[in-house]
């Protein structure tokens, strides 16, 4: 049987509209988790090297990273929207 596993999952979205779709990224991560051990990543982060450990039982930190919550919390003007989301995950 051919090995169909891949070491890196790459996903990106580009849009001219403001990016604030937490339900979509949550559903995407749940779908990855649902496909089982061949797809569940071990590490994730915004940039290489991927330093954060992925926990399929608690995807809240991954969603927060994708939604730029940490960066937005440092900005005085909380009305500035997050216009992009990025995430790297590695098996």
N, C-alpha and C. Protein backbone atom coordinates (compact mmCIF):
# COMPACT_ATOMS: atom_id res chain seq x y z
N UNK A 1 0.84 -1.17 0.00
CA UNK A 1 0.00 0.00 0.00
C UNK A 1 0.89 1.25 0.00
N UNK A 2 0.53 2.21 -0.79
CA UNK A 2 1.29 3.45 -0.91
C UNK A 2 1.10 4.33 0.32
N UNK A 3 2.21 4.89 0.82
CA UNK A 3 2.15 5.79 1.97
C UNK A 3 1.63 7.15 1.52
N UNK A 4 0.46 7.55 2.03
CA UNK A 4 -0.15 8.81 1.63
C UNK A 4 -0.05 9.89 2.70
N UNK A 5 0.89 9.73 3.64
CA UNK A 5 1.06 10.74 4.67
C UNK A 5 2.07 11.79 4.21
N UNK A 6 1.89 12.98 4.69
CA UNK A 6 2.76 14.09 4.32
C UNK A 6 3.26 14.77 5.59
N UNK A 7 4.52 15.20 5.64
CA UNK A 7 5.07 15.75 6.87
C UNK A 7 4.58 17.16 7.20
N UNK A 8 4.12 17.92 6.21
CA UNK A 8 3.70 19.30 6.47
C UNK A 8 2.32 19.54 5.87
N UNK A 9 1.48 20.17 6.66
CA UNK A 9 0.17 20.61 6.17
C UNK A 9 0.28 22.11 5.98
N UNK A 10 0.03 22.57 4.77
CA UNK A 10 0.06 24.01 4.50
C UNK A 10 -1.34 24.47 4.16
N UNK A 11 -1.71 25.57 4.76
CA UNK A 11 -3.04 26.12 4.52
C UNK A 11 -2.96 27.63 4.60
N UNK A 12 -3.49 28.30 3.61
CA UNK A 12 -3.52 29.76 3.68
C UNK A 12 -4.78 30.27 3.02
N UNK A 13 -5.22 31.41 3.50
CA UNK A 13 -6.38 32.09 2.93
C UNK A 13 -5.96 33.52 2.63
N UNK A 14 -6.36 34.00 1.49
CA UNK A 14 -6.11 35.41 1.16
C UNK A 14 -7.44 36.05 0.81
N UNK A 15 -7.62 37.24 1.31
CA UNK A 15 -8.88 37.92 1.06
C UNK A 15 -8.68 39.42 1.20
N UNK A 16 -9.44 40.18 0.46
CA UNK A 16 -9.44 41.63 0.61
C UNK A 16 -10.41 42.07 1.69
N UNK A 17 -11.19 41.11 2.18
CA UNK A 17 -12.14 41.40 3.25
C UNK A 17 -11.49 41.13 4.61
N UNK A 18 -12.06 41.70 5.64
CA UNK A 18 -11.55 41.49 6.99
C UNK A 18 -11.73 40.01 7.37
N UNK A 19 -10.68 39.40 7.90
CA UNK A 19 -10.71 37.98 8.25
C UNK A 19 -11.08 37.81 9.71
N UNK A 20 -12.28 37.35 10.01
CA UNK A 20 -12.70 37.08 11.38
C UNK A 20 -13.63 35.88 11.42
N UNK A 21 -13.24 34.77 10.83
CA UNK A 21 -14.12 33.62 10.78
C UNK A 21 -13.59 32.50 11.67
N UNK A 22 -13.80 32.65 12.96
CA UNK A 22 -13.31 31.67 13.93
C UNK A 22 -13.99 30.31 13.74
N UNK A 23 -15.26 30.30 13.38
CA UNK A 23 -15.98 29.04 13.19
C UNK A 23 -15.36 28.22 12.07
N UNK A 24 -14.92 28.88 11.01
CA UNK A 24 -14.32 28.16 9.90
C UNK A 24 -13.01 27.48 10.29
N UNK A 25 -12.09 28.21 10.95
CA UNK A 25 -10.81 27.61 11.32
C UNK A 25 -11.02 26.51 12.36
N UNK A 26 -11.98 26.69 13.25
CA UNK A 26 -12.28 25.65 14.24
C UNK A 26 -12.77 24.38 13.54
N UNK A 27 -13.67 24.54 12.58
CA UNK A 27 -14.18 23.39 11.82
C UNK A 27 -13.07 22.73 11.01
N UNK A 28 -12.17 23.53 10.44
CA UNK A 28 -11.05 22.97 9.69
C UNK A 28 -10.16 22.11 10.58
N UNK A 29 -9.81 22.60 11.75
CA UNK A 29 -8.97 21.84 12.68
C UNK A 29 -9.67 20.59 13.18
N UNK A 30 -10.95 20.69 13.45
CA UNK A 30 -11.71 19.51 13.87
C UNK A 30 -11.74 18.46 12.76
N UNK A 31 -11.81 18.90 11.52
CA UNK A 31 -11.79 17.96 10.38
C UNK A 31 -10.44 17.26 10.29
N UNK A 32 -9.36 18.02 10.47
CA UNK A 32 -8.02 17.41 10.46
C UNK A 32 -7.92 16.37 11.56
N UNK A 33 -8.39 16.71 12.75
CA UNK A 33 -8.35 15.77 13.88
C UNK A 33 -9.19 14.53 13.61
N UNK A 34 -10.31 14.71 12.95
CA UNK A 34 -11.23 13.60 12.68
C UNK A 34 -10.62 12.55 11.74
N UNK A 35 -9.72 12.98 10.86
CA UNK A 35 -9.13 12.04 9.90
C UNK A 35 -8.11 11.11 10.54
N UNK A 36 -7.75 11.35 11.78
CA UNK A 36 -6.93 10.39 12.50
C UNK A 36 -5.45 10.67 12.53
N UNK A 37 -4.72 9.70 13.09
CA UNK A 37 -3.30 9.89 13.41
C UNK A 37 -2.43 10.24 12.21
N UNK A 38 -2.82 9.85 11.02
CA UNK A 38 -2.01 10.17 9.85
C UNK A 38 -2.05 11.65 9.49
N UNK A 39 -3.02 12.38 10.00
CA UNK A 39 -3.17 13.79 9.66
C UNK A 39 -2.94 14.74 10.83
N UNK A 40 -3.00 14.24 12.05
CA UNK A 40 -2.87 15.11 13.22
C UNK A 40 -1.42 15.57 13.34
N UNK A 41 -1.20 16.87 13.33
CA UNK A 41 0.17 17.38 13.43
C UNK A 41 0.73 17.24 14.84
N UNK A 42 2.05 17.28 14.95
CA UNK A 42 2.71 17.25 16.25
C UNK A 42 3.04 18.66 16.72
N UNK A 43 3.40 19.54 15.78
CA UNK A 43 3.81 20.90 16.11
C UNK A 43 3.09 21.90 15.22
N UNK A 44 3.04 23.13 15.71
CA UNK A 44 2.44 24.20 14.91
C UNK A 44 3.04 25.53 15.34
N UNK A 45 2.89 26.52 14.51
CA UNK A 45 3.30 27.89 14.82
C UNK A 45 3.03 28.75 13.60
N UNK A 46 3.34 30.02 13.69
CA UNK A 46 3.19 30.92 12.55
C UNK A 46 4.36 30.82 11.60
N UNK A 47 5.56 30.59 12.17
CA UNK A 47 6.80 30.58 11.39
C UNK A 47 7.65 29.39 11.81
N UNK A 48 8.57 28.99 10.94
CA UNK A 48 9.55 27.96 11.27
C UNK A 48 10.59 28.57 12.19
N UNK A 49 11.14 27.86 13.14
CA UNK A 49 10.79 26.49 13.52
C UNK A 49 9.48 26.45 14.29
N UNK A 50 8.77 25.37 14.13
CA UNK A 50 7.48 25.20 14.78
C UNK A 50 7.71 24.76 16.23
N UNK A 51 7.48 25.66 17.17
CA UNK A 51 7.84 25.42 18.57
C UNK A 51 6.67 25.00 19.45
N UNK A 52 5.46 25.16 18.98
CA UNK A 52 4.30 24.86 19.82
C UNK A 52 3.82 23.43 19.57
N UNK A 53 3.52 22.72 20.66
CA UNK A 53 3.02 21.34 20.57
C UNK A 53 1.51 21.36 20.30
N UNK A 54 1.11 20.57 19.33
CA UNK A 54 -0.30 20.49 18.95
C UNK A 54 -1.01 19.49 19.85
N UNK A 55 -2.15 19.89 20.39
CA UNK A 55 -2.97 19.03 21.23
C UNK A 55 -4.34 18.93 20.58
N UNK A 56 -4.65 17.80 20.00
CA UNK A 56 -5.92 17.64 19.29
C UNK A 56 -7.13 17.72 20.22
N UNK A 57 -6.90 17.56 21.52
CA UNK A 57 -7.99 17.64 22.49
C UNK A 57 -8.33 19.09 22.86
N UNK A 58 -7.40 20.02 22.59
CA UNK A 58 -7.61 21.43 22.93
C UNK A 58 -7.03 22.30 21.82
N UNK A 59 -7.88 22.67 20.89
CA UNK A 59 -7.41 23.44 19.73
C UNK A 59 -7.57 24.95 19.93
N UNK A 60 -7.97 25.38 21.13
CA UNK A 60 -8.20 26.80 21.38
C UNK A 60 -6.94 27.65 21.14
N UNK A 61 -5.78 27.17 21.57
CA UNK A 61 -4.55 27.93 21.37
C UNK A 61 -4.21 28.05 19.88
N UNK A 62 -4.49 27.02 19.12
CA UNK A 62 -4.23 27.05 17.68
C UNK A 62 -5.16 28.06 17.01
N UNK A 63 -6.42 28.04 17.40
CA UNK A 63 -7.39 29.00 16.86
C UNK A 63 -6.97 30.43 17.23
N UNK A 64 -6.56 30.65 18.48
CA UNK A 64 -6.12 31.98 18.91
C UNK A 64 -4.94 32.47 18.08
N UNK A 65 -3.99 31.59 17.81
CA UNK A 65 -2.83 31.97 17.00
C UNK A 65 -3.27 32.34 15.60
N UNK A 66 -4.12 31.53 15.01
CA UNK A 66 -4.60 31.80 13.66
C UNK A 66 -5.37 33.12 13.59
N UNK A 67 -6.13 33.42 14.64
CA UNK A 67 -6.94 34.63 14.67
C UNK A 67 -6.15 35.87 15.12
N UNK A 68 -4.86 35.71 15.36
CA UNK A 68 -3.97 36.82 15.75
C UNK A 68 -4.35 37.46 17.08
N UNK A 69 -4.92 36.72 17.99
CA UNK A 69 -5.38 37.30 19.27
C UNK A 69 -4.23 37.86 20.10
N UNK A 70 -3.09 37.17 20.11
CA UNK A 70 -1.95 37.63 20.90
C UNK A 70 -1.44 38.97 20.37
N UNK A 71 -1.33 39.09 19.06
CA UNK A 71 -0.87 40.33 18.45
C UNK A 71 -1.87 41.46 18.67
N UNK A 72 -3.14 41.16 18.46
CA UNK A 72 -4.17 42.19 18.62
C UNK A 72 -4.30 42.67 20.06
N UNK A 73 -3.97 41.80 21.02
CA UNK A 73 -4.05 42.19 22.43
C UNK A 73 -3.00 43.26 22.77
N UNK A 74 -1.92 43.31 22.00
CA UNK A 74 -0.85 44.29 22.24
C UNK A 74 -1.14 45.64 21.60
N UNK A 75 -2.12 45.69 20.73
CA UNK A 75 -2.45 46.92 20.03
C UNK A 75 -3.46 47.71 20.88
N UNK A 76 -3.16 48.96 21.11
CA UNK A 76 -4.04 49.80 21.93
C UNK A 76 -5.44 49.92 21.35
N UNK A 77 -5.53 50.08 20.05
CA UNK A 77 -6.83 50.25 19.39
C UNK A 77 -7.39 48.88 19.05
N UNK A 78 -8.28 48.37 19.88
CA UNK A 78 -8.81 47.02 19.68
C UNK A 78 -9.79 46.95 18.51
N UNK A 79 -10.10 48.10 17.91
CA UNK A 79 -11.01 48.08 16.78
C UNK A 79 -10.30 47.69 15.48
N UNK A 80 -8.97 47.60 15.52
CA UNK A 80 -8.22 47.21 14.32
C UNK A 80 -8.48 45.72 14.08
N UNK A 81 -9.05 45.38 12.95
CA UNK A 81 -9.37 43.98 12.69
C UNK A 81 -8.17 43.17 12.21
N UNK A 82 -8.25 41.90 12.39
CA UNK A 82 -7.25 40.99 11.83
C UNK A 82 -7.66 40.71 10.39
N UNK A 83 -6.78 40.98 9.45
CA UNK A 83 -7.16 40.80 8.06
C UNK A 83 -6.61 39.53 7.45
N UNK A 84 -5.81 38.79 8.19
CA UNK A 84 -5.30 37.54 7.64
C UNK A 84 -5.15 36.51 8.75
N UNK A 85 -4.96 35.31 8.34
CA UNK A 85 -4.69 34.24 9.28
C UNK A 85 -3.65 33.34 8.67
N UNK A 86 -2.69 32.90 9.48
CA UNK A 86 -1.70 31.97 8.95
C UNK A 86 -1.34 30.96 10.03
N UNK A 87 -0.98 29.79 9.57
CA UNK A 87 -0.70 28.70 10.47
C UNK A 87 0.10 27.65 9.73
N UNK A 88 1.19 27.18 10.35
CA UNK A 88 1.95 26.06 9.84
C UNK A 88 1.81 24.92 10.82
N UNK A 89 1.61 23.72 10.29
CA UNK A 89 1.51 22.54 11.15
C UNK A 89 2.40 21.47 10.54
N UNK A 90 3.04 20.68 11.41
CA UNK A 90 3.96 19.66 10.94
C UNK A 90 3.67 18.34 11.62
N UNK A 91 3.68 17.30 10.86
CA UNK A 91 3.43 15.94 11.36
C UNK A 91 4.71 15.41 11.96
